[in-house]
Amino acid sequence: MGAMVESNSSKIDIFLWIIVLAMLATSGIEYYYLASQPLVVRVGLGLLCFLGAGFVAFRTGLGKKAWHTWQEAWQETLRIVWPTKQETIQTTLAVFVMVLVMGLFLWSTDALLLKLIAWLTAH
């Protein structure tokens, strides 16, 4: 009995995905087909088709899984502990100092090697 329900569900999903593809194709085709209409009308109809396709897509099994994953991801973002202003300033200063120190180190190493090569090639 469970396989029969899954089979019907997958057939419905396939039908819904065909509708989604048709709506997406319609949103693109209508934009060019209605070229004589004002831009706001063409964009509005295209947006309606696009939103309708999204609505239908979220009614499929895959769409429901995607929506569930999106909700879980959103819940995770609510648990993020953002750094304080003080922590951000301290970290930025630490990075700036390290970049400055490494820049000076690499510049001095380059200058030293340049002088060494000049001395070796001069003799």
N, C-alpha and C. Protein backbone atom coordinates (compact mmCIF):
# COMPACT_ATOMS: atom_id res chain seq x y z
N MET A 1 0.82 -1.19 0.00
CA MET A 1 0.00 0.00 0.00
C MET A 1 0.87 1.25 0.00
N GLY A 2 2.01 1.22 0.76
CA GLY A 2 2.89 2.38 0.84
C GLY A 2 3.53 2.69 -0.50
N ALA A 3 3.86 1.63 -1.28
CA ALA A 3 4.48 1.85 -2.59
C ALA A 3 3.48 2.50 -3.54
N MET A 4 2.21 2.17 -3.39
CA MET A 4 1.18 2.74 -4.25
C MET A 4 1.05 4.24 -3.99
N VAL A 5 1.11 4.63 -2.73
CA VAL A 5 1.00 6.04 -2.37
C VAL A 5 2.21 6.79 -2.90
N GLU A 6 3.43 6.18 -2.75
CA GLU A 6 4.64 6.80 -3.25
C GLU A 6 4.59 6.95 -4.76
N SER A 7 4.07 5.95 -5.45
CA SER A 7 3.97 6.00 -6.90
C SER A 7 3.06 7.13 -7.35
N ASN A 8 1.91 7.25 -6.68
CA ASN A 8 0.99 8.34 -7.00
C ASN A 8 1.60 9.69 -6.69
N SER A 9 2.33 9.74 -5.57
CA SER A 9 2.97 10.99 -5.17
C SER A 9 4.03 11.39 -6.19
N SER A 10 4.81 10.42 -6.67
CA SER A 10 5.86 10.75 -7.64
C SER A 10 5.24 11.17 -8.98
N LYS A 11 4.12 10.57 -9.35
CA LYS A 11 3.44 10.98 -10.58
C LYS A 11 2.91 12.40 -10.46
N ILE A 12 2.39 12.71 -9.29
CA ILE A 12 1.89 14.08 -9.06
C ILE A 12 3.06 15.06 -9.09
N ASP A 13 4.19 14.66 -8.47
CA ASP A 13 5.38 15.53 -8.47
C ASP A 13 5.86 15.79 -9.90
N ILE A 14 5.89 14.77 -10.72
CA ILE A 14 6.31 14.93 -12.11
C ILE A 14 5.38 15.90 -12.83
N PHE A 15 4.08 15.74 -12.61
CA PHE A 15 3.10 16.63 -13.22
C PHE A 15 3.30 18.07 -12.75
N LEU A 16 3.55 18.24 -11.44
CA LEU A 16 3.77 19.58 -10.90
C LEU A 16 5.05 20.20 -11.46
N TRP A 17 6.11 19.40 -11.64
CA TRP A 17 7.36 19.93 -12.20
C TRP A 17 7.17 20.34 -13.67
N ILE A 18 6.31 19.62 -14.38
CA ILE A 18 6.00 20.02 -15.76
C ILE A 18 5.29 21.37 -15.75
N ILE A 19 4.38 21.55 -14.79
CA ILE A 19 3.68 22.84 -14.67
C ILE A 19 4.69 23.94 -14.34
N VAL A 20 5.62 23.65 -13.43
CA VAL A 20 6.64 24.64 -13.06
C VAL A 20 7.45 25.05 -14.28
N LEU A 21 7.91 24.07 -15.05
CA LEU A 21 8.69 24.38 -16.26
C LEU A 21 7.87 25.18 -17.26
N ALA A 22 6.60 24.83 -17.40
CA ALA A 22 5.75 25.57 -18.33
C ALA A 22 5.56 27.01 -17.86
N MET A 23 5.40 27.21 -16.58
CA MET A 23 5.23 28.57 -16.05
C MET A 23 6.51 29.39 -16.22
N LEU A 24 7.67 28.75 -16.00
CA LEU A 24 8.93 29.47 -16.18
C LEU A 24 9.14 29.82 -17.65
N ALA A 25 8.81 28.89 -18.53
CA ALA A 25 8.93 29.17 -19.96
C ALA A 25 7.97 30.29 -20.35
N THR A 26 6.78 30.26 -19.80
CA THR A 26 5.80 31.30 -20.09
C THR A 26 6.29 32.66 -19.62
N SER A 27 6.95 32.71 -18.48
CA SER A 27 7.44 33.99 -17.97
C SER A 27 8.48 34.60 -18.90
N GLY A 28 9.27 33.78 -19.56
CA GLY A 28 10.24 34.30 -20.51
C GLY A 28 9.63 34.64 -21.85
N ILE A 29 8.74 33.77 -22.32
CA ILE A 29 8.13 33.96 -23.64
C ILE A 29 7.23 35.18 -23.64
N GLU A 30 6.45 35.38 -22.59
CA GLU A 30 5.51 36.50 -22.58
C GLU A 30 6.24 37.83 -22.62
N TYR A 31 7.45 37.88 -22.08
CA TYR A 31 8.20 39.13 -22.07
C TYR A 31 8.47 39.61 -23.50
N TYR A 32 8.83 38.67 -24.37
CA TYR A 32 9.12 39.03 -25.75
C TYR A 32 7.85 39.08 -26.61
N TYR A 33 6.88 38.22 -26.30
CA TYR A 33 5.65 38.19 -27.08
C TYR A 33 4.84 39.47 -26.89
N LEU A 34 4.89 40.03 -25.70
CA LEU A 34 4.14 41.25 -25.40
C LEU A 34 5.05 42.49 -25.48
N ALA A 35 5.93 42.51 -26.46
CA ALA A 35 6.90 43.60 -26.59
C ALA A 35 6.22 44.96 -26.76
N SER A 36 5.00 44.97 -27.30
CA SER A 36 4.31 46.25 -27.51
C SER A 36 3.70 46.79 -26.21
N GLN A 37 3.63 45.97 -25.18
CA GLN A 37 3.04 46.40 -23.90
C GLN A 37 4.08 47.18 -23.09
N PRO A 38 3.63 47.99 -22.15
CA PRO A 38 4.58 48.72 -21.30
C PRO A 38 5.47 47.74 -20.51
N LEU A 39 6.66 48.20 -20.19
CA LEU A 39 7.63 47.37 -19.49
C LEU A 39 7.08 46.86 -18.16
N VAL A 40 6.37 47.71 -17.44
CA VAL A 40 5.85 47.32 -16.14
C VAL A 40 4.87 46.15 -16.26
N VAL A 41 4.11 46.11 -17.34
CA VAL A 41 3.16 45.01 -17.56
C VAL A 41 3.93 43.72 -17.84
N ARG A 42 4.92 43.81 -18.72
CA ARG A 42 5.70 42.61 -19.06
C ARG A 42 6.46 42.06 -17.86
N VAL A 43 7.09 42.95 -17.10
CA VAL A 43 7.83 42.50 -15.92
C VAL A 43 6.87 41.96 -14.87
N GLY A 44 5.74 42.62 -14.68
CA GLY A 44 4.75 42.17 -13.70
C GLY A 44 4.21 40.79 -14.02
N LEU A 45 3.87 40.56 -15.30
CA LEU A 45 3.38 39.23 -15.68
C LEU A 45 4.47 38.17 -15.54
N GLY A 46 5.68 38.53 -15.91
CA GLY A 46 6.79 37.59 -15.75
C GLY A 46 7.03 37.25 -14.30
N LEU A 47 6.94 38.26 -13.45
CA LEU A 47 7.12 38.03 -12.02
C LEU A 47 6.00 37.16 -11.45
N LEU A 48 4.78 37.40 -11.90
CA LEU A 48 3.66 36.56 -11.45
C LEU A 48 3.87 35.10 -11.87
N CYS A 49 4.30 34.88 -13.10
CA CYS A 49 4.56 33.51 -13.56
C CYS A 49 5.68 32.88 -12.74
N PHE A 50 6.73 33.66 -12.48
CA PHE A 50 7.87 33.16 -11.72
C PHE A 50 7.45 32.81 -10.29
N LEU A 51 6.69 33.69 -9.65
CA LEU A 51 6.22 33.41 -8.29
C LEU A 51 5.26 32.22 -8.26
N GLY A 52 4.41 32.13 -9.28
CA GLY A 52 3.50 30.98 -9.37
C GLY A 52 4.26 29.68 -9.51
N ALA A 53 5.32 29.71 -10.32
CA ALA A 53 6.15 28.52 -10.49
C ALA A 53 6.79 28.13 -9.16
N GLY A 54 7.24 29.12 -8.41
CA GLY A 54 7.83 28.84 -7.10
C GLY A 54 6.80 28.25 -6.14
N PHE A 55 5.59 28.80 -6.18
CA PHE A 55 4.52 28.28 -5.33
C PHE A 55 4.23 26.82 -5.66
N VAL A 56 4.13 26.50 -6.93
CA VAL A 56 3.85 25.12 -7.34
C VAL A 56 5.03 24.22 -7.00
N ALA A 57 6.26 24.72 -7.21
CA ALA A 57 7.45 23.91 -6.93
C ALA A 57 7.52 23.53 -5.46
N PHE A 58 7.11 24.44 -4.58
CA PHE A 58 7.16 24.12 -3.15
C PHE A 58 6.06 23.17 -2.72
N ARG A 59 5.19 22.79 -3.61
CA ARG A 59 4.17 21.78 -3.32
C ARG A 59 4.67 20.37 -3.64
N THR A 60 5.81 20.25 -4.29
CA THR A 60 6.37 18.94 -4.62
C THR A 60 7.15 18.40 -3.43
N GLY A 61 7.49 17.13 -3.48
CA GLY A 61 8.28 16.52 -2.41
C GLY A 61 9.64 17.20 -2.27
N LEU A 62 10.30 17.43 -3.39
CA LEU A 62 11.60 18.09 -3.37
C LEU A 62 11.48 19.53 -2.88
N GLY A 63 10.42 20.21 -3.27
CA GLY A 63 10.20 21.57 -2.81
C GLY A 63 9.97 21.64 -1.31
N LYS A 64 9.24 20.66 -0.79
CA LYS A 64 9.00 20.63 0.67
C LYS A 64 10.30 20.38 1.42
N LYS A 65 11.16 19.49 0.88
CA LYS A 65 12.46 19.26 1.50
C LYS A 65 13.31 20.53 1.46
N ALA A 66 13.28 21.23 0.32
CA ALA A 66 14.06 22.46 0.19
C ALA A 66 13.56 23.51 1.18
N TRP A 67 12.26 23.62 1.33
CA TRP A 67 11.69 24.59 2.28
C TRP A 67 12.09 24.24 3.71
N HIS A 68 12.06 22.95 4.03
CA HIS A 68 12.45 22.50 5.37
C HIS A 68 13.93 22.82 5.62
N THR A 69 14.77 22.58 4.62
CA THR A 69 16.20 22.89 4.74
C THR A 69 16.40 24.39 4.92
N TRP A 70 15.66 25.19 4.18
CA TRP A 70 15.75 26.65 4.31
C TRP A 70 15.37 27.09 5.72
N GLN A 71 14.31 26.51 6.27
CA GLN A 71 13.88 26.87 7.61
C GLN A 71 14.95 26.49 8.64
N GLU A 72 15.57 25.32 8.48
CA GLU A 72 16.63 24.91 9.40
C GLU A 72 17.83 25.85 9.29
N ALA A 73 18.18 26.23 8.07
CA ALA A 73 19.30 27.15 7.89
C ALA A 73 19.00 28.50 8.53
N TRP A 74 17.77 28.96 8.40
CA TRP A 74 17.39 30.23 9.00
C TRP A 74 17.47 30.15 10.52
N GLN A 75 17.03 29.03 11.08
CA GLN A 75 17.12 28.84 12.53
C GLN A 75 18.58 28.86 12.99
N GLU A 76 19.47 28.30 12.18
CA GLU A 76 20.90 28.32 12.52
C GLU A 76 21.44 29.75 12.53
N THR A 77 20.99 30.56 11.58
CA THR A 77 21.50 31.94 11.55
C THR A 77 21.03 32.72 12.77
N LEU A 78 19.92 32.34 13.35
CA LEU A 78 19.44 33.03 14.55
C LEU A 78 20.29 32.68 15.77
N ARG A 79 21.05 31.58 15.68
CA ARG A 79 21.89 31.15 16.81
C ARG A 79 23.31 31.72 16.72
N ILE A 80 23.61 32.46 15.68
CA ILE A 80 24.95 33.00 15.51
C ILE A 80 25.23 34.04 16.59
N VAL A 81 26.40 33.96 17.20
CA VAL A 81 26.81 34.96 18.17
C VAL A 81 27.78 35.89 17.45
N TRP A 82 27.34 37.10 17.18
CA TRP A 82 28.14 38.07 16.46
C TRP A 82 29.13 38.73 17.41
N PRO A 83 30.31 39.09 16.89
CA PRO A 83 31.29 39.75 17.77
C PRO A 83 30.82 41.14 18.17
N THR A 84 31.30 41.57 19.32
CA THR A 84 30.95 42.91 19.78
C THR A 84 31.77 43.93 18.98
N LYS A 85 31.44 45.19 19.14
CA LYS A 85 32.18 46.25 18.45
C LYS A 85 33.64 46.23 18.89
N GLN A 86 33.88 46.04 20.17
CA GLN A 86 35.25 46.01 20.70
C GLN A 86 36.04 44.85 20.10
N GLU A 87 35.43 43.67 20.04
CA GLU A 87 36.11 42.51 19.45
C GLU A 87 36.42 42.74 17.98
N THR A 88 35.50 43.36 17.26
CA THR A 88 35.71 43.64 15.84
C THR A 88 36.86 44.61 15.65
N ILE A 89 36.92 45.65 16.47
CA ILE A 89 38.01 46.63 16.36
C ILE A 89 39.35 45.98 16.68
N GLN A 90 39.39 45.17 17.73
CA GLN A 90 40.63 44.51 18.12
C GLN A 90 41.11 43.55 17.04
N THR A 91 40.21 42.79 16.48
CA THR A 91 40.58 41.85 15.43
C THR A 91 41.06 42.58 14.19
N THR A 92 40.38 43.66 13.83
CA THR A 92 40.79 44.44 12.67
C THR A 92 42.18 45.02 12.87
N LEU A 93 42.44 45.55 14.06
CA LEU A 93 43.77 46.10 14.34
C LEU A 93 44.84 45.02 14.31
N ALA A 94 44.53 43.84 14.85
CA ALA A 94 45.50 42.73 14.83
C ALA A 94 45.83 42.33 13.39
N VAL A 95 44.82 42.27 12.54
CA VAL A 95 45.05 41.93 11.14
C VAL A 95 45.87 43.02 10.46
N PHE A 96 45.55 44.27 10.73
CA PHE A 96 46.28 45.39 10.13
C PHE A 96 47.75 45.35 10.54
N VAL A 97 48.03 45.12 11.82
CA VAL A 97 49.41 45.05 12.30
C VAL A 97 50.14 43.88 11.65
N MET A 98 49.50 42.73 11.56
CA MET A 98 50.15 41.57 10.94
C MET A 98 50.46 41.82 9.47
N VAL A 99 49.53 42.45 8.77
CA VAL A 99 49.76 42.76 7.35
C VAL A 99 50.93 43.74 7.23
N LEU A 100 50.98 44.72 8.11
CA LEU A 100 52.08 45.69 8.10
C LEU A 100 53.41 45.02 8.38
N VAL A 101 53.47 44.18 9.41
CA VAL A 101 54.70 43.47 9.77
C VAL A 101 55.14 42.56 8.63
N MET A 102 54.22 41.80 8.07
CA MET A 102 54.58 40.89 6.97
C MET A 102 55.00 41.68 5.74
N GLY A 103 54.34 42.80 5.47
CA GLY A 103 54.73 43.63 4.34
C GLY A 103 56.15 44.16 4.50
N LEU A 104 56.46 44.63 5.70
CA LEU A 104 57.82 45.12 5.96
C LEU A 104 58.84 43.98 5.85
N PHE A 105 58.49 42.82 6.39
CA PHE A 105 59.39 41.67 6.31
C PHE A 105 59.66 41.28 4.86
N LEU A 106 58.60 41.17 4.06
CA LEU A 106 58.78 40.77 2.67
C LEU A 106 59.52 41.85 1.87
N TRP A 107 59.25 43.12 2.16
CA TRP A 107 59.94 44.21 1.48
C TRP A 107 61.43 44.17 1.80
N SER A 108 61.75 43.99 3.10
CA SER A 108 63.17 43.96 3.48
C SER A 108 63.86 42.72 2.92
N THR A 109 63.18 41.58 2.91
CA THR A 109 63.76 40.37 2.33
C THR A 109 64.01 40.57 0.84
N ASP A 110 63.08 41.16 0.15
CA ASP A 110 63.23 41.43 -1.27
C ASP A 110 64.41 42.38 -1.52
N ALA A 111 64.49 43.43 -0.72
CA ALA A 111 65.59 44.39 -0.88
C ALA A 111 66.92 43.73 -0.61
N LEU A 112 67.00 42.89 0.42
CA LEU A 112 68.23 42.18 0.74
C LEU A 112 68.63 41.24 -0.39
N LEU A 113 67.69 40.47 -0.89
CA LEU A 113 67.99 39.56 -1.99
C LEU A 113 68.40 40.31 -3.25
N LEU A 114 67.77 41.44 -3.51
CA LEU A 114 68.12 42.26 -4.66
C LEU A 114 69.56 42.74 -4.56
N LYS A 115 69.96 43.22 -3.39
CA LYS A 115 71.35 43.66 -3.17
C LYS A 115 72.31 42.48 -3.29
N LEU A 116 71.94 41.32 -2.74
CA LEU A 116 72.80 40.14 -2.82
C LEU A 116 73.01 39.72 -4.28
N ILE A 117 71.94 39.71 -5.05
CA ILE A 117 72.06 39.34 -6.48
C ILE A 117 72.88 40.37 -7.22
N ALA A 118 72.67 41.65 -6.92
CA ALA A 118 73.47 42.71 -7.56
C ALA A 118 74.95 42.54 -7.22
N TRP A 119 75.24 42.20 -5.97
CA TRP A 119 76.65 42.02 -5.56
C TRP A 119 77.25 40.81 -6.25
N LEU A 120 76.46 39.69 -6.34
CA LEU A 120 76.97 38.46 -6.97
C LEU A 120 77.19 38.65 -8.47
N THR A 121 76.33 39.38 -9.12
CA THR A 121 76.46 39.57 -10.57
C THR A 121 77.52 40.63 -10.92
N ALA A 122 77.83 41.49 -9.96
CA ALA A 122 78.85 42.52 -10.22
C ALA A 122 80.25 41.93 -10.14
N HIS A 123 80.45 40.88 -9.41
CA HIS A 123 81.79 40.30 -9.26
C HIS A 123 82.03 39.22 -10.22
